[in-house]
C-alpha atoms as a PDB file:
ATOM      1  CA  MET A   1     -33.684 -30.599 174.841  1.00  0.00           C
ATOM      2  CA  GLY A   2     -35.617 -33.399 173.357  1.00  0.00           C
ATOM      3  CA  LYS A   3     -34.769 -37.074 173.664  1.00  0.00           C
ATOM      4  CA  LYS A   4     -33.984 -37.398 170.020  1.00  0.00           C
ATOM      5  CA  MET A   5     -31.610 -34.379 169.962  1.00  0.00           C
ATOM      6  CA  THR A   6     -29.895 -35.541 173.136  1.00  0.00           C
ATOM      7  CA  GLY A   7     -29.314 -38.937 171.611  1.00  0.00           C
ATOM      8  CA  ILE A   8     -27.905 -37.421 168.404  1.00  0.00           C
ATOM      9  CA  ILE A   9     -25.539 -35.160 170.291  1.00  0.00           C
ATOM     10  CA  CYS A  10     -24.276 -38.089 172.357  1.00  0.00           C
ATOM     11  CA  VAL A  11     -23.669 -40.227 169.312  1.00  0.00           C
ATOM     12  CA  ILE A  12     -21.794 -37.456 167.456  1.00  0.00           C
ATOM     13  CA  ALA A  13     -19.745 -36.633 170.552  1.00  0.00           C
ATOM     14  CA  GLY A  14     -19.042 -40.364 171.144  1.00  0.00           C
ATOM     15  CA  LEU A  15     -17.833 -40.942 167.627  1.00  0.00           C
ATOM     16  CA  PHE A  16     -15.608 -37.902 167.814  1.00  0.00           C
ATOM     17  CA  CYS A  17     -14.022 -39.120 170.982  1.00  0.00           C
ATOM     18  CA  ILE A  18     -13.342 -42.599 169.474  1.00  0.00           C
ATOM     19  CA  GLY A  19     -11.971 -41.076 166.286  1.00  0.00           C
ATOM     20  CA  TYR A  20      -9.768 -38.650 168.228  1.00  0.00           C
ATOM     21  CA  CYS A  21      -8.468 -41.585 170.318  1.00  0.00           C
ATOM     22  CA  ILE A  22      -7.319 -43.346 167.104  1.00  0.00           C
ATOM     23  CA  LEU A  23      -5.708 -40.103 165.803  1.00  0.00           C
ATOM     24  CA  VAL A  24      -3.783 -39.547 169.076  1.00  0.00           C
ATOM     25  CA  SER A  25      -2.715 -43.222 169.298  1.00  0.00           C
ATOM     26  CA  MET A  26      -1.118 -42.888 165.836  1.00  0.00           C
ATOM     27  CA  ALA A  27       1.293 -40.260 167.233  1.00  0.00           C
ATOM     28  CA  ASN A  28       3.018 -43.062 169.205  1.00  0.00           C
ATOM     29  CA  SER A  29       3.803 -40.717 172.100  1.00  0.00           C
ATOM     30  CA  GLY A  30       4.592 -43.491 174.561  1.00  0.00           C
ATOM     31  CA  SER A  31       1.634 -42.550 176.744  1.00  0.00           C
ATOM     32  CA  ARG A  32      -1.721 -44.439 176.790  1.00  0.00           C
ATOM     33  CA  PHE A  33      -3.696 -41.367 177.859  1.00  0.00           C
ATOM     34  CA  TYR A  34      -5.549 -41.564 174.567  1.00  0.00           C
ATOM     35  CA  LEU A  35      -7.511 -44.592 175.905  1.00  0.00           C
ATOM     36  CA  LEU A  36      -9.393 -42.055 178.024  1.00  0.00           C
ATOM     37  CA  TRP A  37     -10.931 -40.724 174.779  1.00  0.00           C
ATOM     38  CA  ALA A  38     -12.099 -44.283 173.902  1.00  0.00           C
ATOM     39  CA  ALA A  39     -13.602 -44.601 177.351  1.00  0.00           C
ATOM     40  CA  GLY A  40     -15.412 -41.243 176.988  1.00  0.00           C
ATOM     41  CA  GLY A  41     -16.649 -42.244 173.581  1.00  0.00           C
ATOM     42  CA  ILE A  42     -18.048 -45.559 174.823  1.00  0.00           C
ATOM     43  CA  LEU A  43     -19.793 -43.788 177.734  1.00  0.00           C
ATOM     44  CA  LEU A  44     -21.422 -41.236 175.466  1.00  0.00           C
ATOM     45  CA  LEU A  45     -22.623 -43.989 173.089  1.00  0.00           C
ATOM     46  CA  GLY A  46     -23.906 -45.833 176.077  1.00  0.00           C
ATOM     47  CA  MET A  47     -25.809 -42.673 177.162  1.00  0.00           C
ATOM     48  CA  ALA A  48     -27.275 -42.403 173.688  1.00  0.00           C
ATOM     49  CA  PHE A  49     -28.495 -45.961 173.932  1.00  0.00           C
ATOM     50  CA  LEU A  50     -30.147 -45.301 177.330  1.00  0.00           C
ATOM     51  CA  VAL A  51     -31.851 -42.202 176.038  1.00  0.00           C
ATOM     52  CA  HIS A  52     -32.973 -43.670 172.754  1.00  0.00           C
ATOM     53  CA  PHE A  53     -34.640 -46.735 174.362  1.00  0.00           C
ATOM     54  CA  GLY A  54     -36.170 -44.759 177.196  1.00  0.00           C
ATOM     55  CA  ILE A  55     -34.057 -46.497 179.808  1.00  0.00           C
ATOM     56  CA  TRP A  56     -32.609 -43.159 181.184  1.00  0.00           C
ATOM     57  CA  GLY A  57     -36.119 -41.920 181.876  1.00  0.00           C
ATOM     58  CA  ARG A  58     -36.949 -45.013 183.913  1.00  0.00           C
ATOM     59  CA  ILE A  59     -33.961 -44.430 186.280  1.00  0.00           C
ATOM     60  CA  PRO A  60     -35.172 -42.898 189.624  1.00  0.00           C
ATOM     61  CA  SER A  61     -34.903 -39.040 189.730  1.00  0.00           C
ATOM     62  CA  VAL A  62     -32.482 -38.798 192.548  1.00  0.00           C
ATOM     63  CA  PRO A  63     -29.721 -40.848 191.049  1.00  0.00           C
ATOM     64  CA  ARG A  64     -30.132 -39.033 187.741  1.00  0.00           C
ATOM     65  CA  LYS A  65     -29.928 -35.614 189.402  1.00  0.00           C
ATOM     66  CA  ILE A  66     -26.788 -36.638 191.383  1.00  0.00           C
ATOM     67  CA  PHE A  67     -25.195 -37.839 188.173  1.00  0.00           C
ATOM     68  CA  LEU A  68     -25.965 -34.701 186.287  1.00  0.00           C
ATOM     69  CA  ALA A  69     -24.882 -32.473 189.192  1.00  0.00           C
ATOM     70  CA  ALA A  70     -21.516 -34.378 189.254  1.00  0.00           C
ATOM     71  CA  ILE A  71     -21.095 -33.799 185.504  1.00  0.00           C
ATOM     72  CA  LEU A  72     -21.790 -30.117 185.946  1.00  0.00           C
ATOM     73  CA  ALA A  73     -19.420 -29.728 188.910  1.00  0.00           C
ATOM     74  CA  ASP A  74     -16.688 -31.507 186.931  1.00  0.00           C
ATOM     75  CA  ALA A  75     -17.287 -29.137 184.019  1.00  0.00           C
ATOM     76  CA  VAL A  76     -16.887 -26.155 186.179  1.00  0.00           C
ATOM     77  CA  LEU A  77     -13.750 -27.448 187.797  1.00  0.00           C
ATOM     78  CA  PHE A  78     -12.373 -28.303 184.360  1.00  0.00           C
ATOM     79  CA  LEU A  79     -12.937 -24.747 183.092  1.00  0.00           C
ATOM     80  CA  ILE A  80     -11.188 -23.241 186.174  1.00  0.00           C
ATOM     81  CA  VAL A  81      -8.198 -25.452 185.751  1.00  0.00           C
ATOM     82  CA  GLU A  82      -7.927 -24.775 182.048  1.00  0.00           C
ATOM     83  CA  CYS A  83      -8.053 -21.012 182.674  1.00  0.00           C
ATOM     84  CA  CYS A  84      -5.044 -21.480 184.947  1.00  0.00           C
ATOM     85  CA  VAL A  85      -3.308 -23.526 182.212  1.00  0.00           C
ATOM     86  CA  LEU A  86      -3.955 -20.799 179.697  1.00  0.00           C
ATOM     87  CA  SER A  87      -2.517 -18.157 182.008  1.00  0.00           C
ATOM     88  CA  GLY A  88       0.971 -19.501 181.257  1.00  0.00           C
ATOM     89  CA  TYR A  89       0.324 -20.200 177.638  1.00  0.00           C
ATOM     90  CA  ARG A  90       2.373 -17.237 176.233  1.00  0.00           C
ATOM     91  CA  GLU A  91       5.133 -16.780 178.846  1.00  0.00           C
ATOM     92  CA  HIS A  92       8.525 -16.033 177.271  1.00  0.00           C
ATOM     93  CA  GLY A  93      10.750 -15.603 180.322  1.00  0.00           C
ATOM     94  CA  ARG A  94      13.095 -12.710 180.715  1.00  0.00           C
ATOM     95  CA  PRO A  95      16.738 -12.116 179.705  1.00  0.00           C
ATOM     96  CA  GLY A  96      19.720 -12.999 181.907  1.00  0.00           C
ATOM     97  CA  LEU A  97      18.387 -15.951 183.896  1.00  0.00           C
ATOM     98  CA  ASP A  98      20.947 -17.957 185.875  1.00  0.00           C
ATOM     99  CA  TYR A  99      19.463 -21.269 184.793  1.00  0.00           C
ATOM    100  CA  ILE A 100      16.832 -22.687 182.438  1.00  0.00           C
ATOM    101  CA  ILE A 101      15.362 -26.152 183.071  1.00  0.00           C
ATOM    102  CA  VAL A 102      14.152 -28.053 180.000  1.00  0.00           C
ATOM    103  CA  LEU A 103      11.525 -30.602 181.163  1.00  0.00           C
ATOM    104  CA  GLY A 104      11.926 -33.918 179.478  1.00  0.00           C
ATOM    105  CA  ALA A 105       9.632 -35.726 177.050  1.00  0.00           C
ATOM    106  CA  GLN A 106       9.888 -38.818 174.963  1.00  0.00           C
ATOM    107  CA  VAL A 107      13.140 -39.511 173.082  1.00  0.00           C
ATOM    108  CA  LYS A 108      12.749 -41.852 170.085  1.00  0.00           C
ATOM    109  CA  PRO A 109      15.512 -43.935 168.351  1.00  0.00           C
ATOM    110  CA  GLU A 110      15.813 -41.280 165.642  1.00  0.00           C
ATOM    111  CA  GLY A 111      15.951 -38.392 168.223  1.00  0.00           C
ATOM    112  CA  PRO A 112      13.678 -36.144 170.278  1.00  0.00           C
ATOM    113  CA  SER A 113       9.944 -36.523 169.814  1.00  0.00           C
ATOM    114  CA  ALA A 114       8.103 -33.561 168.234  1.00  0.00           C
ATOM    115  CA  VAL A 115       6.915 -32.405 171.675  1.00  0.00           C
ATOM    116  CA  LEU A 116      10.538 -32.434 173.053  1.00  0.00           C
ATOM    117  CA  GLN A 117      11.978 -30.844 169.923  1.00  0.00           C
ATOM    118  CA  TYR A 118       9.692 -27.850 170.375  1.00  0.00           C
ATOM    119  CA  ARG A 119      11.072 -27.404 173.928  1.00  0.00           C
ATOM    120  CA  LEU A 120      14.645 -27.821 172.771  1.00  0.00           C
ATOM    121  CA  ASP A 121      14.199 -25.254 170.003  1.00  0.00           C
ATOM    122  CA  ALA A 122      12.856 -22.777 172.525  1.00  0.00           C
ATOM    123  CA  ALA A 123      15.815 -23.549 174.869  1.00  0.00           C
ATOM    124  CA  PHE A 124      18.260 -23.114 171.955  1.00  0.00           C
ATOM    125  CA  ASP A 125      16.898 -19.694 171.070  1.00  0.00           C
ATOM    126  CA  TYR A 126      17.075 -18.558 174.724  1.00  0.00           C
ATOM    127  CA  LEU A 127      20.703 -19.949 175.178  1.00  0.00           C
ATOM    128  CA  THR A 128      21.773 -18.267 171.981  1.00  0.00           C
ATOM    129  CA  GLU A 129      20.548 -14.879 173.191  1.00  0.00           C
ATOM    130  CA  ASN A 130      21.737 -15.274 176.733  1.00  0.00           C
ATOM    131  CA  GLU A 131      25.293 -16.646 176.742  1.00  0.00           C
ATOM    132  CA  ASP A 132      25.775 -16.781 180.524  1.00  0.00           C
ATOM    133  CA  THR A 133      22.746 -18.930 181.209  1.00  0.00           C
ATOM    134  CA  VAL A 134      23.299 -22.582 182.203  1.00  0.00           C
ATOM    135  CA  CYS A 135      20.828 -25.164 180.944  1.00  0.00           C
ATOM    136  CA  ILE A 136      19.696 -28.176 182.982  1.00  0.00           C
ATOM    137  CA  LEU A 137      18.266 -30.936 180.889  1.00  0.00           C
ATOM    138  CA  SER A 138      15.912 -33.029 182.996  1.00  0.00           C
ATOM    139  CA  GLY A 139      14.586 -36.531 182.241  1.00  0.00           C
ATOM    140  CA  GLY A 140      15.372 -40.200 182.951  1.00  0.00           C
ATOM    141  CA  GLN A 141      14.885 -43.140 180.662  1.00  0.00           C
ATOM    142  CA  GLY A 142      11.530 -44.672 179.970  1.00  0.00           C
ATOM    143  CA  ARG A 143      10.968 -48.259 179.049  1.00  0.00           C
ATOM    144  CA  ASN A 144      10.499 -47.310 175.349  1.00  0.00           C
ATOM    145  CA  GLU A 145      13.433 -44.944 175.026  1.00  0.00           C
ATOM    146  CA  PRO A 146      16.936 -45.633 173.684  1.00  0.00           C
ATOM    147  CA  CYS A 147      18.633 -43.362 176.229  1.00  0.00           C
ATOM    148  CA  THR A 148      17.754 -40.979 179.007  1.00  0.00           C
ATOM    149  CA  GLU A 149      15.795 -37.932 177.917  1.00  0.00           C
ATOM    150  CA  ALA A 150      18.579 -35.742 179.336  1.00  0.00           C
ATOM    151  CA  GLU A 151      21.123 -37.472 177.075  1.00  0.00           C
ATOM    152  CA  GLY A 152      18.876 -37.130 174.043  1.00  0.00           C
ATOM    153  CA  MET A 153      18.437 -33.416 174.775  1.00  0.00           C
ATOM    154  CA  TYR A 154      22.182 -32.901 175.345  1.00  0.00           C
ATOM    155  CA  ARG A 155      23.055 -34.427 171.971  1.00  0.00           C
ATOM    156  CA  TYR A 156      20.443 -32.242 170.153  1.00  0.00           C
ATOM    157  CA  LEU A 157      21.599 -28.943 171.703  1.00  0.00           C
ATOM    158  CA  ALA A 158      25.325 -29.860 171.433  1.00  0.00           C
ATOM    159  CA  ASP A 159      24.925 -30.705 167.762  1.00  0.00           C
ATOM    160  CA  LYS A 160      23.264 -27.301 167.229  1.00  0.00           C
ATOM    161  CA  GLY A 161      26.343 -25.578 168.752  1.00  0.00           C
ATOM    162  CA  ILE A 162      25.557 -25.025 172.408  1.00  0.00           C
ATOM    163  CA  ALA A 163      28.791 -25.430 174.395  1.00  0.00           C
ATOM    164  CA  PRO A 164      28.665 -28.687 176.372  1.00  0.00           C
ATOM    165  CA  GLY A 165      29.875 -26.844 179.413  1.00  0.00           C
ATOM    166  CA  ARG A 166      26.570 -25.050 179.594  1.00  0.00           C
ATOM    167  CA  LEU A 167      24.538 -28.165 179.562  1.00  0.00           C
ATOM    168  CA  VAL A 168      23.895 -30.107 182.729  1.00  0.00           C
ATOM    169  CA  LYS A 169      22.136 -33.510 182.625  1.00  0.00           C
ATOM    170  CA  GLU A 170      19.610 -34.616 185.220  1.00  0.00           C
ATOM    171  CA  GLU A 171      18.894 -38.239 184.421  1.00  0.00           C
ATOM    172  CA  ARG A 172      16.868 -39.649 187.362  1.00  0.00           C
ATOM    173  CA  SER A 173      13.433 -38.088 187.083  1.00  0.00           C
ATOM    174  CA  THR A 174      10.379 -39.975 185.868  1.00  0.00           C
ATOM    175  CA  ASP A 175       7.783 -37.184 185.964  1.00  0.00           C
ATOM    176  CA  THR A 176       7.450 -33.348 186.042  1.00  0.00           C
ATOM    177  CA  SER A 177       7.623 -33.003 189.832  1.00  0.00           C
ATOM    178  CA  GLU A 178      10.893 -35.038 189.854  1.00  0.00           C
ATOM    179  CA  ASN A 179      12.191 -33.020 186.955  1.00  0.00           C
ATOM    180  CA  ILE A 180      11.910 -29.911 189.069  1.00  0.00           C
ATOM    181  CA  ALA A 181      13.035 -31.421 192.424  1.00  0.00           C
ATOM    182  CA  PHE A 182      16.171 -33.127 191.046  1.00  0.00           C
ATOM    183  CA  SER A 183      17.054 -30.062 188.981  1.00  0.00           C
ATOM    184  CA  VAL A 184      16.953 -27.924 192.126  1.00  0.00           C
ATOM    185  CA  GLU A 185      19.345 -30.432 193.732  1.00  0.00           C
ATOM    186  CA  LEU A 186      21.828 -29.892 190.844  1.00  0.00           C
ATOM    187  CA  MET A 187      21.619 -26.138 191.128  1.00  0.00           C
ATOM    188  CA  GLY A 188      22.530 -26.295 194.793  1.00  0.00           C
ATOM    189  CA  ARG A 189      20.900 -22.963 195.536  1.00  0.00           C
ATOM    190  CA  SER A 190      17.368 -21.587 195.782  1.00  0.00           C
ATOM    191  CA  ASP A 191      18.101 -17.950 195.204  1.00  0.00           C
ATOM    192  CA  ALA A 192      18.926 -18.433 191.440  1.00  0.00           C
ATOM    193  CA  SER A 193      16.754 -17.047 188.752  1.00  0.00           C
ATOM    194  CA  VAL A 194      15.236 -19.856 186.730  1.00  0.00           C
ATOM    195  CA  GLY A 195      13.173 -20.291 183.503  1.00  0.00           C
ATOM    196  CA  ILE A 196      11.037 -23.420 183.078  1.00  0.00           C
ATOM    197  CA  VAL A 197      11.154 -24.473 179.379  1.00  0.00           C
ATOM    198  CA  THR A 198       8.215 -26.582 178.334  1.00  0.00           C
ATOM    199  CA  ASN A 199       5.267 -26.596 175.894  1.00  0.00           C
ATOM    200  CA  ASN A 200       2.680 -23.868 176.225  1.00  0.00           C
ATOM    201  CA  PHE A 201       0.013 -26.151 177.836  1.00  0.00           C
ATOM    202  CA  HIS A 202       2.534 -27.298 180.426  1.00  0.00           C
ATOM    203  CA  VAL A 203       4.039 -23.982 181.556  1.00  0.00           C
ATOM    204  CA  PHE A 204       1.578 -23.231 184.412  1.00  0.00           C
ATOM    205  CA  ARG A 205       2.183 -26.551 186.149  1.00  0.00           C
ATOM    206  CA  GLY A 206       5.976 -26.423 185.564  1.00  0.00           C
ATOM    207  CA  VAL A 207       6.191 -23.000 187.171  1.00  0.00           C
ATOM    208  CA  ARG A 208       3.928 -23.839 190.072  1.00  0.00           C
ATOM    209  CA  LEU A 209       5.950 -27.017 190.805  1.00  0.00           C
ATOM    210  CA  ALA A 210       9.172 -24.954 190.792  1.00  0.00           C
ATOM    211  CA  LYS A 211       7.729 -22.446 193.315  1.00  0.00           C
ATOM    212  CA  SER A 212       6.588 -25.340 195.455  1.00  0.00           C
ATOM    213  CA  ALA A 213      10.142 -26.776 195.359  1.00  0.00           C
ATOM    214  CA  GLY A 214      11.476 -23.505 196.769  1.00  0.00           C
ATOM    215  CA  ILE A 215      12.484 -21.598 193.695  1.00  0.00           C
ATOM    216  CA  GLU A 216      11.261 -18.034 194.312  1.00  0.00           C
ATOM    217  CA  ASP A 217      12.559 -16.300 191.185  1.00  0.00           C
ATOM    218  CA  VAL A 218      11.045 -18.407 188.469  1.00  0.00           C
ATOM    219  CA  CYS A 219       9.273 -17.784 185.226  1.00  0.00           C
ATOM    220  CA  GLY A 220       7.979 -19.807 182.277  1.00  0.00           C
ATOM    221  CA  ILE A 221       9.428 -20.099 178.805  1.00  0.00           C
ATOM    222  CA  SER A 222       6.733 -21.279 176.521  1.00  0.00           C
ATOM    223  CA  ALA A 223       7.419 -23.594 173.520  1.00  0.00           C
ATOM    224  CA  HIS A 224       5.039 -24.410 170.726  1.00  0.00           C
ATOM    225  CA  SER A 225       2.894 -27.521 170.580  1.00  0.00           C
ATOM    226  CA  ASP A 226       1.093 -29.371 167.757  1.00  0.00           C
ATOM    227  CA  PRO A 227      -2.427 -27.812 167.343  1.00  0.00           C
ATOM    228  CA  LEU A 228      -3.752 -31.221 166.336  1.00  0.00           C
ATOM    229  CA  PHE A 229      -3.002 -32.764 169.702  1.00  0.00           C
ATOM    230  CA  LEU A 230      -3.664 -29.659 171.802  1.00  0.00           C
ATOM    231  CA  LEU A 231      -7.088 -30.868 172.936  1.00  0.00           C
ATOM    232  CA  ASN A 232      -5.570 -34.085 174.165  1.00  0.00           C
ATOM    233  CA  ASN A 233      -2.710 -32.239 175.945  1.00  0.00           C
ATOM    234  CA  MET A 234      -5.069 -29.800 177.628  1.00  0.00           C
ATOM    235  CA  VAL A 235      -7.260 -32.557 179.033  1.00  0.00           C
ATOM    236  CA  ARG A 236      -4.163 -34.493 180.113  1.00  0.00           C
ATOM    237  CA  GLU A 237      -2.855 -31.424 181.838  1.00  0.00           C
ATOM    238  CA  PHE A 238      -6.091 -31.226 183.859  1.00  0.00           C
ATOM    239  CA  PHE A 239      -5.441 -34.666 185.283  1.00  0.00           C
ATOM    240  CA  GLY A 240      -1.718 -33.907 185.779  1.00  0.00           C
ATOM    241  CA  ILE A 241      -2.568 -30.847 187.903  1.00  0.00           C
ATOM    242  CA  GLY A 242      -5.089 -32.813 189.834  1.00  0.00           C
ATOM    243  CA  LYS A 243      -2.565 -35.552 190.560  1.00  0.00           C
ATOM    244  CA  ASP A 244       0.037 -33.052 191.750  1.00  0.00           C
ATOM    245  CA  LEU A 245      -2.516 -31.385 193.994  1.00  0.00           C
ATOM    246  CA  ILE A 246      -3.511 -34.718 195.597  1.00  0.00           C
ATOM    247  CA  CYS A 247       0.195 -35.611 196.050  1.00  0.00           C
ATOM    248  CA  GLY A 248       0.892 -32.219 197.647  1.00  0.00           C
ATOM    249  CA  ASN A 249       3.387 -31.127 194.974  1.00  0.00           C
ATOM    250  CA  LEU A 250       1.602 -27.832 194.209  1.00  0.00           C
ATOM    251  CA  PHE A 251       1.345 -26.423 197.651  1.00  0.00           C
END
C-alpha cells in the first residue's frame, strides 16, 4: 500500500472514530468509554501525519516491526473474543427456569435507560410465559442515578403487572461480576436453573461469570440493543472480558 493511500485511510478512520465518539457521548449513558474512540481517532490522525511527512519511514525498522506486530496480535485477539461474544448473541433461554437474573444498567430520573429497558422487556416476556420463575433484579446505585438500579427495575416490572412477590432486589453490586455473585447469595443455592437476562452483546460474559460463580445450570436470555451503538458496545465488551480474565472472574 502506498504512502498516500495509507495516509488517506488513517485520516478517514481517525475522523470516523472522533465522529463516533461525539455520537456515543450524546447518548449520555453515564460511562466515559466513548473517550477511547477519541483517543483512537487522535492516534490514527497522528499516524497519518507521520506517514505524510515521511517521519514514519525514518523510524528504525525494528521498532516499526514490533509496533505493527503488536497491532496485528491485538487484532487477532479482538476477533477471537468477538467470536465468543457473538456465540451468545441469540440465546433465548428455556422454559421453566427457577430464577432469572436481570443485570443492571443505568437508571435515569425518568426511568430505565434504553439499554436497561431492553433487558426489562425481555424479562417481562419471560416472566409472563413462565409464572413460577422468580426474578432477581441486580444493580446498586451509581453516582448519577436517582435510585438503585434494582429499585428502578422493580418499579418498571411491577408497573407492568409482574407480582412484587416474584421480584427480588439485589442492591449492592457495582459491576457485572458483583451482579452475579451477590445474586447467587440471594438464591442461597447453586443447583437452581438460572437465566441471565442482558443485552445480546453482553450474554456471553454474563453466562461465563455465572458459571464461574458456581451456577452449573445456567443459560442466556438475550435482549435487543440499539444498532447505532452496537460497535461501541462490542468494543467495550472486549475490554470487559479482558478485565474479568485478569481479575480471575472468568475461570
